[in-house]
C-alpha atoms as a PDB file:
ATOM      1  CA  UNK A   1    -113.201 164.594 -23.235  1.00  0.00           C
ATOM      2  CA  UNK A   2    -115.440 165.290 -20.235  1.00  0.00           C
ATOM      3  CA  UNK A   3    -117.175 168.644 -19.987  1.00  0.00           C
ATOM      4  CA  UNK A   4    -116.196 171.369 -17.517  1.00  0.00           C
ATOM      5  CA  UNK A   5    -119.131 170.538 -15.254  1.00  0.00           C
ATOM      6  CA  UNK A   6    -118.207 166.857 -15.183  1.00  0.00           C
ATOM      7  CA  UNK A   7    -114.606 167.655 -14.295  1.00  0.00           C
ATOM      8  CA  UNK A   8    -115.682 169.963 -11.468  1.00  0.00           C
ATOM      9  CA  UNK A   9    -118.090 167.355 -10.085  1.00  0.00           C
ATOM     10  CA  UNK A  10    -115.465 164.607 -10.241  1.00  0.00           C
ATOM     11  CA  UNK A  11    -112.867 166.782  -8.543  1.00  0.00           C
ATOM     12  CA  UNK A  12    -115.340 167.742  -5.811  1.00  0.00           C
ATOM     13  CA  UNK A  13    -116.248 164.091  -5.291  1.00  0.00           C
ATOM     14  CA  UNK A  14    -112.605 163.097  -4.945  1.00  0.00           C
ATOM     15  CA  UNK A  15    -111.985 165.831  -2.369  1.00  0.00           C
ATOM     16  CA  UNK A  16    -115.069 164.794  -0.379  1.00  0.00           C
ATOM     17  CA  UNK A  17    -114.058 161.132  -0.539  1.00  0.00           C
ATOM     18  CA  UNK A  18    -110.578 162.023   0.745  1.00  0.00           C
ATOM     19  CA  UNK A  19    -112.065 163.989   3.646  1.00  0.00           C
ATOM     20  CA  UNK A  20    -114.277 161.008   4.508  1.00  0.00           C
ATOM     21  CA  UNK A  21    -111.526 158.383   4.269  1.00  0.00           C
ATOM     22  CA  UNK A  22    -108.949 160.442   6.157  1.00  0.00           C
ATOM     23  CA  UNK A  23    -111.528 161.247   8.827  1.00  0.00           C
ATOM     24  CA  UNK A  24    -112.423 157.581   9.261  1.00  0.00           C
ATOM     25  CA  UNK A  25    -108.747 156.589   9.411  1.00  0.00           C
ATOM     26  CA  UNK A  26    -108.233 159.388  11.979  1.00  0.00           C
ATOM     27  CA  UNK A  27    -105.324 160.949  10.063  1.00  0.00           C
ATOM     28  CA  UNK A  28    -107.174 164.168   9.233  1.00  0.00           C
ATOM     29  CA  UNK A  29    -105.338 165.933  12.069  1.00  0.00           C
ATOM     30  CA  UNK A  30    -101.937 165.579  10.397  1.00  0.00           C
ATOM     31  CA  UNK A  31    -100.585 168.819   8.982  1.00  0.00           C
ATOM     32  CA  UNK A  32     -99.562 167.404   5.592  1.00  0.00           C
ATOM     33  CA  UNK A  33    -103.027 165.888   5.063  1.00  0.00           C
ATOM     34  CA  UNK A  34    -104.638 169.233   5.871  1.00  0.00           C
ATOM     35  CA  UNK A  35    -102.294 171.018   3.454  1.00  0.00           C
ATOM     36  CA  UNK A  36    -103.047 168.571   0.639  1.00  0.00           C
ATOM     37  CA  UNK A  37    -106.817 168.676   1.130  1.00  0.00           C
ATOM     38  CA  UNK A  38    -107.130 172.422   1.543  1.00  0.00           C
ATOM     39  CA  UNK A  39    -104.795 173.151  -1.358  1.00  0.00           C
ATOM     40  CA  UNK A  40    -106.884 170.862  -3.560  1.00  0.00           C
ATOM     41  CA  UNK A  41    -109.982 172.716  -2.366  1.00  0.00           C
ATOM     42  CA  UNK A  42    -108.298 176.010  -3.287  1.00  0.00           C
ATOM     43  CA  UNK A  43    -107.404 174.681  -6.742  1.00  0.00           C
ATOM     44  CA  UNK A  44    -111.031 173.647  -7.236  1.00  0.00           C
ATOM     45  CA  UNK A  45    -112.194 177.145  -6.297  1.00  0.00           C
ATOM     46  CA  UNK A  46    -109.673 178.681  -8.706  1.00  0.00           C
ATOM     47  CA  UNK A  47    -110.814 176.320 -11.483  1.00  0.00           C
ATOM     48  CA  UNK A  48    -114.463 177.199 -10.924  1.00  0.00           C
ATOM     49  CA  UNK A  49    -113.680 180.930 -10.956  1.00  0.00           C
ATOM     50  CA  UNK A  50    -111.814 180.482 -14.251  1.00  0.00           C
ATOM     51  CA  UNK A  51    -114.830 178.673 -15.722  1.00  0.00           C
ATOM     52  CA  UNK A  52    -117.170 181.480 -14.648  1.00  0.00           C
ATOM     53  CA  UNK A  53    -114.851 184.169 -16.017  1.00  0.00           C
ATOM     54  CA  UNK A  54    -114.521 182.393 -19.391  1.00  0.00           C
ATOM     55  CA  UNK A  55    -118.276 181.913 -19.649  1.00  0.00           C
ATOM     56  CA  UNK A  56    -118.903 185.588 -18.914  1.00  0.00           C
ATOM     57  CA  UNK A  57    -116.383 186.623 -21.604  1.00  0.00           C
ATOM     58  CA  UNK A  58    -118.042 184.403 -24.207  1.00  0.00           C
ATOM     59  CA  UNK A  59    -121.487 185.891 -23.608  1.00  0.00           C
END
């Protein structure tokens, strides 16, 4: 099982790769692509906040 940091880095890399590929293919302007990418970015932010909150509770 990968650690929390590894999961966050992988998820960030996938989001960045999607931005790059969709930008190169010139489909980044489509509404559904924007919704998918920005919702995944929001989920990443929520996941990172949960990690920080759990770590602060443990200490």
